[in-house]
Amino acid sequence: MTWDDVVHTCGHQNLFCSTDCVDQWLERTGNDRGYVMDLTTLWHFAADWYTGRLDYGYQRREPSQAADYMRKVGLSGPFWSYDRHPAHHARALAHPTEQDFERY
């Protein structure tokens, strides 16, 4: 699953104690392995992603700024897809539209 469906992606995130726990959960549930992020990378991503969002006059990152931020915190590869589709991927994160939520 990619960020083409932001609601699905955000709604199916889980925390596990280790990759062994991920493997056990996958075996138990029959789910496919998705992107697995370590806690340090998650911390780096979350640390400044929402900075200022509650401030009056906040302006979202431009798509290129969102992609730069993700690269800076170590997010890369097919799941993040900005390597292949930078404009769509970063736009969906920085400026979600009704299309990003139309399946729900």
PDB file of N, CA and C in Angstrom:
ATOM      1  N   MET A   1       0.856  -1.170   0.000  1.00  0.00           N
ATOM      2  CA  MET A   1       0.000   0.000   0.000  1.00  0.00           C
ATOM      3  C   MET A   1       0.901   1.232   0.000  1.00  0.00           C
ATOM      4  N   THR A   2       0.580   2.160  -0.788  1.00  0.00           N
ATOM      5  CA  THR A   2       1.375   3.386  -0.851  1.00  0.00           C
ATOM      6  C   THR A   2       0.589   4.549  -0.290  1.00  0.00           C
ATOM      7  N   TRP A   3       1.171   5.692  -0.350  1.00  0.00           N
ATOM      8  CA  TRP A   3       0.515   6.905   0.124  1.00  0.00           C
ATOM      9  C   TRP A   3      -0.549   7.395  -0.844  1.00  0.00           C
ATOM     10  N   ASP A   4      -0.865   6.623  -1.890  1.00  0.00           N
ATOM     11  CA  ASP A   4      -1.968   6.993  -2.775  1.00  0.00           C
ATOM     12  C   ASP A   4      -3.278   7.000  -1.995  1.00  0.00           C
ATOM     13  N   ASP A   5      -3.338   6.266  -0.898  1.00  0.00           N
ATOM     14  CA  ASP A   5      -4.532   6.205  -0.059  1.00  0.00           C
ATOM     15  C   ASP A   5      -4.101   6.542   1.372  1.00  0.00           C
ATOM     16  N   VAL A   6      -4.029   7.835   1.672  1.00  0.00           N
ATOM     17  CA  VAL A   6      -3.506   8.318   2.947  1.00  0.00           C
ATOM     18  C   VAL A   6      -4.339   7.801   4.117  1.00  0.00           C
ATOM     19  N   VAL A   7      -5.659   7.798   3.981  1.00  0.00           N
ATOM     20  CA  VAL A   7      -6.528   7.367   5.072  1.00  0.00           C
ATOM     21  C   VAL A   7      -6.267   5.900   5.407  1.00  0.00           C
ATOM     22  N   HIS A   8      -6.183   5.052   4.387  1.00  0.00           N
ATOM     23  CA  HIS A   8      -5.911   3.624   4.623  1.00  0.00           C
ATOM     24  C   HIS A   8      -4.549   3.446   5.288  1.00  0.00           C
ATOM     25  N   THR A   9      -3.551   4.132   4.767  1.00  0.00           N
ATOM     26  CA  THR A   9      -2.199   3.994   5.297  1.00  0.00           C
ATOM     27  C   THR A   9      -2.153   4.404   6.764  1.00  0.00           C
ATOM     28  N   CYS A  10      -2.690   5.557   7.078  1.00  0.00           N
ATOM     29  CA  CYS A  10      -2.653   6.037   8.466  1.00  0.00           C
ATOM     30  C   CYS A  10      -3.511   5.178   9.384  1.00  0.00           C
ATOM     31  N   GLY A  11      -4.542   4.584   8.848  1.00  0.00           N
ATOM     32  CA  GLY A  11      -5.428   3.753   9.651  1.00  0.00           C
ATOM     33  C   GLY A  11      -4.926   2.346   9.887  1.00  0.00           C
ATOM     34  N   HIS A  12      -3.823   1.987   9.260  1.00  0.00           N
ATOM     35  CA  HIS A  12      -3.298   0.630   9.393  1.00  0.00           C
ATOM     36  C   HIS A  12      -1.851   0.621   9.856  1.00  0.00           C
ATOM     37  N   GLN A  13      -1.510   1.555  10.693  1.00  0.00           N
ATOM     38  CA  GLN A  13      -0.165   1.599  11.261  1.00  0.00           C
ATOM     39  C   GLN A  13      -0.179   0.909  12.611  1.00  0.00           C
ATOM     40  N   ASN A  14       0.832   0.108  12.866  1.00  0.00           N
ATOM     41  CA  ASN A  14       0.936  -0.629  14.122  1.00  0.00           C
ATOM     42  C   ASN A  14       2.335  -0.472  14.687  1.00  0.00           C
ATOM     43  N   LEU A  15       2.446  -0.558  15.988  1.00  0.00           N
ATOM     44  CA  LEU A  15       3.745  -0.547  16.656  1.00  0.00           C
ATOM     45  C   LEU A  15       4.040  -1.950  17.168  1.00  0.00           C
ATOM     46  N   PHE A  16       5.269  -2.389  16.979  1.00  0.00           N
ATOM     47  CA  PHE A  16       5.711  -3.702  17.431  1.00  0.00           C
ATOM     48  C   PHE A  16       7.012  -3.558  18.195  1.00  0.00           C
ATOM     49  N   CYS A  17       7.281  -4.518  19.074  1.00  0.00           N
ATOM     50  CA  CYS A  17       8.482  -4.452  19.900  1.00  0.00           C
ATOM     51  C   CYS A  17       9.743  -4.807  19.126  1.00  0.00           C
ATOM     52  N   SER A  18       9.628  -5.554  18.039  1.00  0.00           N
ATOM     53  CA  SER A  18      10.792  -5.954  17.244  1.00  0.00           C
ATOM     54  C   SER A  18      10.317  -6.484  15.898  1.00  0.00           C
ATOM     55  N   THR A  19      11.259  -6.685  14.990  1.00  0.00           N
ATOM     56  CA  THR A  19      10.886  -7.268  13.697  1.00  0.00           C
ATOM     57  C   THR A  19      10.424  -8.709  13.870  1.00  0.00           C
ATOM     58  N   ASP A  20      10.902  -9.399  14.910  1.00  0.00           N
ATOM     59  CA  ASP A  20      10.398 -10.752  15.200  1.00  0.00           C
ATOM     60  C   ASP A  20       8.909 -10.698  15.531  1.00  0.00           C
ATOM     61  N   CYS A  21       8.504  -9.686  16.285  1.00  0.00           N
ATOM     62  CA  CYS A  21       7.079  -9.521  16.609  1.00  0.00           C
ATOM     63  C   CYS A  21       6.271  -9.213  15.351  1.00  0.00           C
ATOM     64  N   VAL A  22       6.848  -8.444  14.431  1.00  0.00           N
ATOM     65  CA  VAL A  22       6.186  -8.172  13.152  1.00  0.00           C
ATOM     66  C   VAL A  22       5.971  -9.487  12.417  1.00  0.00           C
ATOM     67  N   ASP A  23       7.021 -10.296  12.329  1.00  0.00           N
ATOM     68  CA  ASP A  23       6.932 -11.579  11.624  1.00  0.00           C
ATOM     69  C   ASP A  23       5.869 -12.490  12.241  1.00  0.00           C
ATOM     70  N   GLN A  24       5.817 -12.543  13.569  1.00  0.00           N
ATOM     71  CA  GLN A  24       4.816 -13.370  14.248  1.00  0.00           C
ATOM     72  C   GLN A  24       3.407 -12.870  13.952  1.00  0.00           C
ATOM     73  N   TRP A  25       3.222 -11.556  13.971  1.00  0.00           N
ATOM     74  CA  TRP A  25       1.910 -10.980  13.679  1.00  0.00           C
ATOM     75  C   TRP A  25       1.493 -11.278  12.242  1.00  0.00           C
ATOM     76  N   LEU A  26       2.442 -11.151  11.308  1.00  0.00           N
ATOM     77  CA  LEU A  26       2.132 -11.437   9.904  1.00  0.00           C
ATOM     78  C   LEU A  26       1.736 -12.896   9.720  1.00  0.00           C
ATOM     79  N   GLU A  27       2.449 -13.783  10.380  1.00  0.00           N
ATOM     80  CA  GLU A  27       2.118 -15.209  10.287  1.00  0.00           C
ATOM     81  C   GLU A  27       0.734 -15.488  10.873  1.00  0.00           C
ATOM     82  N   ARG A  28       0.449 -14.854  12.000  1.00  0.00           N
ATOM     83  CA  ARG A  28      -0.835 -15.062  12.672  1.00  0.00           C
ATOM     84  C   ARG A  28      -2.010 -14.483  11.889  1.00  0.00           C
ATOM     85  N   THR A  29      -1.817 -13.317  11.261  1.00  0.00           N
ATOM     86  CA  THR A  29      -2.937 -12.629  10.604  1.00  0.00           C
ATOM     87  C   THR A  29      -3.045 -12.909   9.115  1.00  0.00           C
ATOM     88  N   GLY A  30      -1.950 -13.358   8.500  1.00  0.00           N
ATOM     89  CA  GLY A  30      -1.963 -13.573   7.059  1.00  0.00           C
ATOM     90  C   GLY A  30      -1.811 -12.293   6.256  1.00  0.00           C
ATOM     91  N   ASN A  31      -1.534 -11.182   6.917  1.00  0.00           N
ATOM     92  CA  ASN A  31      -1.320  -9.914   6.216  1.00  0.00           C
ATOM     93  C   ASN A  31       0.012  -9.915   5.482  1.00  0.00           C
ATOM     94  N   ASP A  32       0.093  -9.076   4.465  1.00  0.00           N
ATOM     95  CA  ASP A  32       1.350  -8.887   3.743  1.00  0.00           C
ATOM     96  C   ASP A  32       2.224  -7.912   4.508  1.00  0.00           C
ATOM     97  N   ARG A  33       3.527  -8.119   4.409  1.00  0.00           N
ATOM     98  CA  ARG A  33       4.460  -7.200   5.072  1.00  0.00           C
ATOM     99  C   ARG A  33       4.456  -5.882   4.320  1.00  0.00           C
ATOM    100  N   GLY A  34       4.272  -4.809   5.043  1.00  0.00           N
ATOM    101  CA  GLY A  34       4.338  -3.481   4.482  1.00  0.00           C
ATOM    102  C   GLY A  34       5.655  -2.833   4.849  1.00  0.00           C
ATOM    103  N   TYR A  35       5.660  -1.533   4.844  1.00  0.00           N
ATOM    104  CA  TYR A  35       6.854  -0.791   5.227  1.00  0.00           C
ATOM    105  C   TYR A  35       7.048  -0.921   6.732  1.00  0.00           C
ATOM    106  N   VAL A  36       8.249  -1.271   7.159  1.00  0.00           N
ATOM    107  CA  VAL A  36       8.567  -1.390   8.578  1.00  0.00           C
ATOM    108  C   VAL A  36       9.594  -0.319   8.918  1.00  0.00           C
ATOM    109  N   MET A  37       9.238   0.525   9.863  1.00  0.00           N
ATOM    110  CA  MET A  37      10.083   1.650  10.248  1.00  0.00           C
ATOM    111  C   MET A  37      10.554   1.435  11.690  1.00  0.00           C
ATOM    112  N   ASP A  38      11.825   1.693  11.950  1.00  0.00           N
ATOM    113  CA  ASP A  38      12.299   1.594  13.327  1.00  0.00           C
ATOM    114  C   ASP A  38      11.851   2.834  14.107  1.00  0.00           C
ATOM    115  N   LEU A  39      11.866   2.718  15.422  1.00  0.00           N
ATOM    116  CA  LEU A  39      11.365   3.777  16.285  1.00  0.00           C
ATOM    117  C   LEU A  39      12.168   5.072  16.145  1.00  0.00           C
ATOM    118  N   THR A  40      13.463   4.963  15.924  1.00  0.00           N
ATOM    119  CA  THR A  40      14.286   6.162  15.756  1.00  0.00           C
ATOM    120  C   THR A  40      13.862   6.949  14.525  1.00  0.00           C
ATOM    121  N   THR A  41      13.609   6.260  13.416  1.00  0.00           N
ATOM    122  CA  THR A  41      13.157   6.936  12.201  1.00  0.00           C
ATOM    123  C   THR A  41      11.781   7.556  12.417  1.00  0.00           C
ATOM    124  N   LEU A  42      10.892   6.832  13.088  1.00  0.00           N
ATOM    125  CA  LEU A  42       9.569   7.380  13.390  1.00  0.00           C
ATOM    126  C   LEU A  42       9.704   8.653  14.215  1.00  0.00           C
ATOM    127  N   TRP A  43      10.575   8.638  15.209  1.00  0.00           N
ATOM    128  CA  TRP A  43      10.783   9.816  16.051  1.00  0.00           C
ATOM    129  C   TRP A  43      11.279  10.991  15.205  1.00  0.00           C
ATOM    130  N   HIS A  44      12.262  10.725  14.335  1.00  0.00           N
ATOM    131  CA  HIS A  44      12.792  11.802  13.490  1.00  0.00           C
ATOM    132  C   HIS A  44      11.707  12.357  12.564  1.00  0.00           C
ATOM    133  N   PHE A  45      10.877  11.473  12.022  1.00  0.00           N
ATOM    134  CA  PHE A  45       9.790  11.917  11.137  1.00  0.00           C
ATOM    135  C   PHE A  45       8.781  12.773  11.900  1.00  0.00           C
ATOM    136  N   ALA A  46       8.332  12.277  13.053  1.00  0.00           N
ATOM    137  CA  ALA A  46       7.265  12.945  13.794  1.00  0.00           C
ATOM    138  C   ALA A  46       7.730  14.206  14.512  1.00  0.00           C
ATOM    139  N   ALA A  47       9.008  14.298  14.820  1.00  0.00           N
ATOM    140  CA  ALA A  47       9.521  15.393  15.647  1.00  0.00           C
ATOM    141  C   ALA A  47       9.137  16.774  15.122  1.00  0.00           C
ATOM    142  N   ASP A  48       9.212  16.977  13.820  1.00  0.00           N
ATOM    143  CA  ASP A  48       8.906  18.299  13.266  1.00  0.00           C
ATOM    144  C   ASP A  48       7.823  18.291  12.195  1.00  0.00           C
ATOM    145  N   TRP A  49       7.254  17.137  11.900  1.00  0.00           N
ATOM    146  CA  TRP A  49       6.266  17.081  10.826  1.00  0.00           C
ATOM    147  C   TRP A  49       5.064  17.980  11.116  1.00  0.00           C
ATOM    148  N   TYR A  50       4.618  18.019  12.352  1.00  0.00           N
ATOM    149  CA  TYR A  50       3.434  18.803  12.703  1.00  0.00           C
ATOM    150  C   TYR A  50       3.762  20.159  13.322  1.00  0.00           C
ATOM    151  N   THR A  51       5.007  20.543  13.331  1.00  0.00           N
ATOM    152  CA  THR A  51       5.404  21.815  13.929  1.00  0.00           C
ATOM    153  C   THR A  51       4.615  22.972  13.316  1.00  0.00           C
ATOM    154  N   GLY A  52       3.989  23.743  14.174  1.00  0.00           N
ATOM    155  CA  GLY A  52       3.270  24.935  13.738  1.00  0.00           C
ATOM    156  C   GLY A  52       1.868  24.723  13.240  1.00  0.00           C
ATOM    157  N   ARG A  53       1.399  23.504  13.134  1.00  0.00           N
ATOM    158  CA  ARG A  53       0.074  23.266  12.555  1.00  0.00           C
ATOM    159  C   ARG A  53      -1.066  23.886  13.344  1.00  0.00           C
ATOM    160  N   LEU A  54      -0.875  24.129  14.618  1.00  0.00           N
ATOM    161  CA  LEU A  54      -1.939  24.740  15.412  1.00  0.00           C
ATOM    162  C   LEU A  54      -1.790  26.255  15.511  1.00  0.00           C
ATOM    163  N   ASP A  55      -0.748  26.783  14.898  1.00  0.00           N
ATOM    164  CA  ASP A  55      -0.517  28.233  14.938  1.00  0.00           C
ATOM    165  C   ASP A  55      -1.375  28.948  13.911  1.00  0.00           C
ATOM    166  N   TYR A  56      -1.867  30.131  14.284  1.00  0.00           N
ATOM    167  CA  TYR A  56      -2.631  30.954  13.363  1.00  0.00           C
ATOM    168  C   TYR A  56      -1.747  31.296  12.157  1.00  0.00           C
ATOM    169  N   GLY A  57      -2.299  31.159  10.967  1.00  0.00           N
ATOM    170  CA  GLY A  57      -1.570  31.491   9.747  1.00  0.00           C
ATOM    171  C   GLY A  57      -0.648  30.396   9.236  1.00  0.00           C
ATOM    172  N   TYR A  58      -0.728  29.219   9.840  1.00  0.00           N
ATOM    173  CA  TYR A  58       0.126  28.112   9.393  1.00  0.00           C
ATOM    174  C   TYR A  58      -0.074  27.847   7.910  1.00  0.00           C
ATOM    175  N   GLN A  59       1.013  27.613   7.217  1.00  0.00           N
ATOM    176  CA  GLN A  59       0.954  27.228   5.806  1.00  0.00           C
ATOM    177  C   GLN A  59       1.650  25.888   5.640  1.00  0.00           C
ATOM    178  N   ARG A  60       0.970  24.989   4.965  1.00  0.00           N
ATOM    179  CA  ARG A  60       1.527  23.655   4.747  1.00  0.00           C
ATOM    180  C   ARG A  60       2.788  23.721   3.909  1.00  0.00           C
ATOM    181  N   ARG A  61       3.584  22.681   4.050  1.00  0.00           N
ATOM    182  CA  ARG A  61       4.780  22.573   3.223  1.00  0.00           C
ATOM    183  C   ARG A  61       4.378  22.422   1.757  1.00  0.00           C
ATOM    184  N   GLU A  62       5.170  22.978   0.908  1.00  0.00           N
ATOM    185  CA  GLU A  62       5.009  22.710  -0.519  1.00  0.00           C
ATOM    186  C   GLU A  62       5.440  21.266  -0.762  1.00  0.00           C
ATOM    187  N   PRO A  63       4.950  20.623  -1.822  1.00  0.00           N
ATOM    188  CA  PRO A  63       5.315  19.227  -2.080  1.00  0.00           C
ATOM    189  C   PRO A  63       6.824  18.978  -2.080  1.00  0.00           C
ATOM    190  N   SER A  64       7.579  19.856  -2.683  1.00  0.00           N
ATOM    191  CA  SER A  64       9.033  19.645  -2.704  1.00  0.00           C
ATOM    192  C   SER A  64       9.620  19.748  -1.301  1.00  0.00           C
ATOM    193  N   GLN A  65       9.050  20.613  -0.453  1.00  0.00           N
ATOM    194  CA  GLN A  65       9.521  20.736   0.931  1.00  0.00           C
ATOM    195  C   GLN A  65       9.182  19.473   1.725  1.00  0.00           C
ATOM    196  N   ALA A  66       8.001  18.921   1.490  1.00  0.00           N
ATOM    197  CA  ALA A  66       7.613  17.686   2.174  1.00  0.00           C
ATOM    198  C   ALA A  66       8.549  16.546   1.770  1.00  0.00           C
ATOM    199  N   ALA A  67       8.841  16.430   0.481  1.00  0.00           N
ATOM    200  CA  ALA A  67       9.757  15.385   0.013  1.00  0.00           C
ATOM    201  C   ALA A  67      11.151  15.582   0.601  1.00  0.00           C
ATOM    202  N   ASP A  68      11.616  16.821   0.655  1.00  0.00           N
ATOM    203  CA  ASP A  68      12.923  17.105   1.256  1.00  0.00           C
ATOM    204  C   ASP A  68      12.945  16.709   2.729  1.00  0.00           C
ATOM    205  N   TYR A  69      11.874  17.022   3.446  1.00  0.00           N
ATOM    206  CA  TYR A  69      11.781  16.676   4.862  1.00  0.00           C
ATOM    207  C   TYR A  69      11.863  15.161   5.037  1.00  0.00           C
ATOM    208  N   MET A  70      11.107  14.424   4.225  1.00  0.00           N
ATOM    209  CA  MET A  70      11.109  12.966   4.340  1.00  0.00           C
ATOM    210  C   MET A  70      12.489  12.389   4.055  1.00  0.00           C
ATOM    211  N   ARG A  71      13.146  12.901   3.033  1.00  0.00           N
ATOM    212  CA  ARG A  71      14.509  12.449   2.747  1.00  0.00           C
ATOM    213  C   ARG A  71      15.434  12.734   3.921  1.00  0.00           C
ATOM    214  N   LYS A  72      15.311  13.934   4.475  1.00  0.00           N
ATOM    215  CA  LYS A  72      16.170  14.368   5.581  1.00  0.00           C
ATOM    216  C   LYS A  72      16.059  13.438   6.785  1.00  0.00           C
ATOM    217  N   VAL A  73      14.862  12.930   7.054  1.00  0.00           N
ATOM    218  CA  VAL A  73      14.677  12.067   8.217  1.00  0.00           C
ATOM    219  C   VAL A  73      14.863  10.589   7.885  1.00  0.00           C
ATOM    220  N   GLY A  74      15.278  10.290   6.662  1.00  0.00           N
ATOM    221  CA  GLY A  74      15.640   8.916   6.304  1.00  0.00           C
ATOM    222  C   GLY A  74      14.550   8.077   5.688  1.00  0.00           C
ATOM    223  N   LEU A  75      13.470   8.685   5.207  1.00  0.00           N
ATOM    224  CA  LEU A  75      12.387   7.930   4.581  1.00  0.00           C
ATOM    225  C   LEU A  75      12.619   7.863   3.084  1.00  0.00           C
ATOM    226  N   SER A  76      12.794   6.658   2.586  1.00  0.00           N
ATOM    227  CA  SER A  76      13.031   6.480   1.159  1.00  0.00           C
ATOM    228  C   SER A  76      12.508   5.111   0.737  1.00  0.00           C
ATOM    229  N   GLY A  77      12.523   4.880  -0.543  1.00  0.00           N
ATOM    230  CA  GLY A  77      12.104   3.586  -1.062  1.00  0.00           C
ATOM    231  C   GLY A  77      10.723   3.606  -1.651  1.00  0.00           C
ATOM    232  N   PRO A  78      10.291   2.462  -2.168  1.00  0.00           N
ATOM    233  CA  PRO A  78       9.015   2.372  -2.889  1.00  0.00           C
ATOM    234  C   PRO A  78       7.799   2.794  -2.066  1.00  0.00           C
ATOM    235  N   PHE A  79       7.769   2.493  -0.778  1.00  0.00           N
ATOM    236  CA  PHE A  79       6.606   2.866   0.029  1.00  0.00           C
ATOM    237  C   PHE A  79       6.391   4.371   0.015  1.00  0.00           C
ATOM    238  N   TRP A  80       7.480   5.110   0.120  1.00  0.00           N
ATOM    239  CA  TRP A  80       7.369   6.566   0.182  1.00  0.00           C
ATOM    240  C   TRP A  80       7.180   7.152  -1.204  1.00  0.00           C
ATOM    241  N   SER A  81       7.546   6.460  -2.233  1.00  0.00           N
ATOM    242  CA  SER A  81       7.265   6.726  -3.652  1.00  0.00           C
ATOM    243  C   SER A  81       7.643   8.096  -4.171  1.00  0.00           C
ATOM    244  N   TYR A  82       8.193   8.986  -3.349  1.00  0.00           N
ATOM    245  CA  TYR A  82       8.566  10.285  -3.896  1.00  0.00           C
ATOM    246  C   TYR A  82       9.724  10.156  -4.866  1.00  0.00           C
ATOM    247  N   ASP A  83      10.462   9.040  -4.789  1.00  0.00           N
ATOM    248  CA  ASP A  83      11.538   8.821  -5.754  1.00  0.00           C
ATOM    249  C   ASP A  83      10.970   8.639  -7.164  1.00  0.00           C
ATOM    250  N   ARG A  84       9.755   8.061  -7.243  1.00  0.00           N
ATOM    251  CA  ARG A  84       9.138   7.814  -8.543  1.00  0.00           C
ATOM    252  C   ARG A  84       8.098   8.863  -8.910  1.00  0.00           C
ATOM    253  N   HIS A  85       7.369   9.342  -7.930  1.00  0.00           N
ATOM    254  CA  HIS A  85       6.279  10.279  -8.172  1.00  0.00           C
ATOM    255  C   HIS A  85       6.345  11.421  -7.165  1.00  0.00           C
ATOM    256  N   PRO A  86       7.365  12.265  -7.238  1.00  0.00           N
ATOM    257  CA  PRO A  86       7.552  13.265  -6.185  1.00  0.00           C
ATOM    258  C   PRO A  86       6.388  14.220  -6.010  1.00  0.00           C
ATOM    259  N   ALA A  87       5.803  14.681  -7.072  1.00  0.00           N
ATOM    260  CA  ALA A  87       4.753  15.686  -6.938  1.00  0.00           C
ATOM    261  C   ALA A  87       3.515  15.100  -6.260  1.00  0.00           C
ATOM    262  N   HIS A  88       3.066  13.934  -6.703  1.00  0.00           N
ATOM    263  CA  HIS A  88       1.856  13.356  -6.130  1.00  0.00           C
ATOM    264  C   HIS A  88       2.071  12.957  -4.681  1.00  0.00           C
ATOM    265  N   HIS A  89       3.172  12.288  -4.418  1.00  0.00           N
ATOM    266  CA  HIS A  89       3.421  11.798  -3.063  1.00  0.00           C
ATOM    267  C   HIS A  89       3.485  12.948  -2.065  1.00  0.00           C
ATOM    268  N   ALA A  90       4.301  13.906  -2.343  1.00  0.00           N
ATOM    269  CA  ALA A  90       4.468  15.016  -1.408  1.00  0.00           C
ATOM    270  C   ALA A  90       3.193  15.850  -1.320  1.00  0.00           C
ATOM    271  N   ARG A  91       2.473  16.011  -2.438  1.00  0.00           N
ATOM    272  CA  ARG A  91       1.227  16.763  -2.407  1.00  0.00           C
ATOM    273  C   ARG A  91       0.211  16.077  -1.514  1.00  0.00           C
ATOM    274  N   ALA A  92       0.113  14.766  -1.609  1.00  0.00           N
ATOM    275  CA  ALA A  92      -0.869  14.046  -0.801  1.00  0.00           C
ATOM    276  C   ALA A  92      -0.587  14.209   0.686  1.00  0.00           C
ATOM    277  N   LEU A  93       0.676  14.287   1.053  1.00  0.00           N
ATOM    278  CA  LEU A  93       1.011  14.473   2.456  1.00  0.00           C
ATOM    279  C   LEU A  93       0.829  15.923   2.891  1.00  0.00           C
ATOM    280  N   ALA A  94       1.248  16.848   2.058  1.00  0.00           N
ATOM    281  CA  ALA A  94       1.227  18.257   2.448  1.00  0.00           C
ATOM    282  C   ALA A  94      -0.131  18.915   2.211  1.00  0.00           C
ATOM    283  N   HIS A  95      -0.863  18.478   1.180  1.00  0.00           N
ATOM    284  CA  HIS A  95      -2.135  19.107   0.807  1.00  0.00           C
ATOM    285  C   HIS A  95      -3.170  18.044   0.448  1.00  0.00           C
ATOM    286  N   PRO A  96      -3.670  17.265   1.417  1.00  0.00           N
ATOM    287  CA  PRO A  96      -4.653  16.245   1.064  1.00  0.00           C
ATOM    288  C   PRO A  96      -5.913  16.881   0.476  1.00  0.00           C
ATOM    289  N   THR A  97      -6.484  16.210  -0.494  1.00  0.00           N
ATOM    290  CA  THR A  97      -7.711  16.682  -1.132  1.00  0.00           C
ATOM    291  C   THR A  97      -8.813  15.654  -0.916  1.00  0.00           C
ATOM    292  N   GLU A  98     -10.003  15.981  -1.373  1.00  0.00           N
ATOM    293  CA  GLU A  98     -11.112  15.035  -1.293  1.00  0.00           C
ATOM    294  C   GLU A  98     -10.777  13.728  -2.022  1.00  0.00           C
ATOM    295  N   GLN A  99     -10.020  13.801  -3.102  1.00  0.00           N
ATOM    296  CA  GLN A  99      -9.642  12.595  -3.838  1.00  0.00           C
ATOM    297  C   GLN A  99      -8.829  11.644  -2.971  1.00  0.00           C
ATOM    298  N   ASP A 100      -8.024  12.198  -2.060  1.00  0.00           N
ATOM    299  CA  ASP A 100      -7.224  11.348  -1.192  1.00  0.00           C
ATOM    300  C   ASP A 100      -8.104  10.574  -0.229  1.00  0.00           C
ATOM    301  N   PHE A 101      -9.352  11.023  -0.003  1.00  0.00           N
ATOM    302  CA  PHE A 101     -10.243  10.400   0.955  1.00  0.00           C
ATOM    303  C   PHE A 101     -11.478   9.775   0.297  1.00  0.00           C
ATOM    304  N   GLU A 102     -11.543   9.759  -1.029  1.00  0.00           N
ATOM    305  CA  GLU A 102     -12.785   9.389  -1.705  1.00  0.00           C
ATOM    306  C   GLU A 102     -13.215   7.956  -1.463  1.00  0.00           C
ATOM    307  N   ARG A 103     -12.338   7.081  -1.062  1.00  0.00           N
ATOM    308  CA  ARG A 103     -12.737   5.691  -0.815  1.00  0.00           C
ATOM    309  C   ARG A 103     -13.457   5.533   0.499  1.00  0.00           C
ATOM    310  N   TYR A 104     -13.505   6.576   1.307  1.00  0.00           N
ATOM    311  CA  TYR A 104     -14.099   6.465   2.650  1.00  0.00           C
ATOM    312  C   TYR A 104     -15.230   7.427   2.834  1.00  0.00           C
TER     313      TYR A 104
END
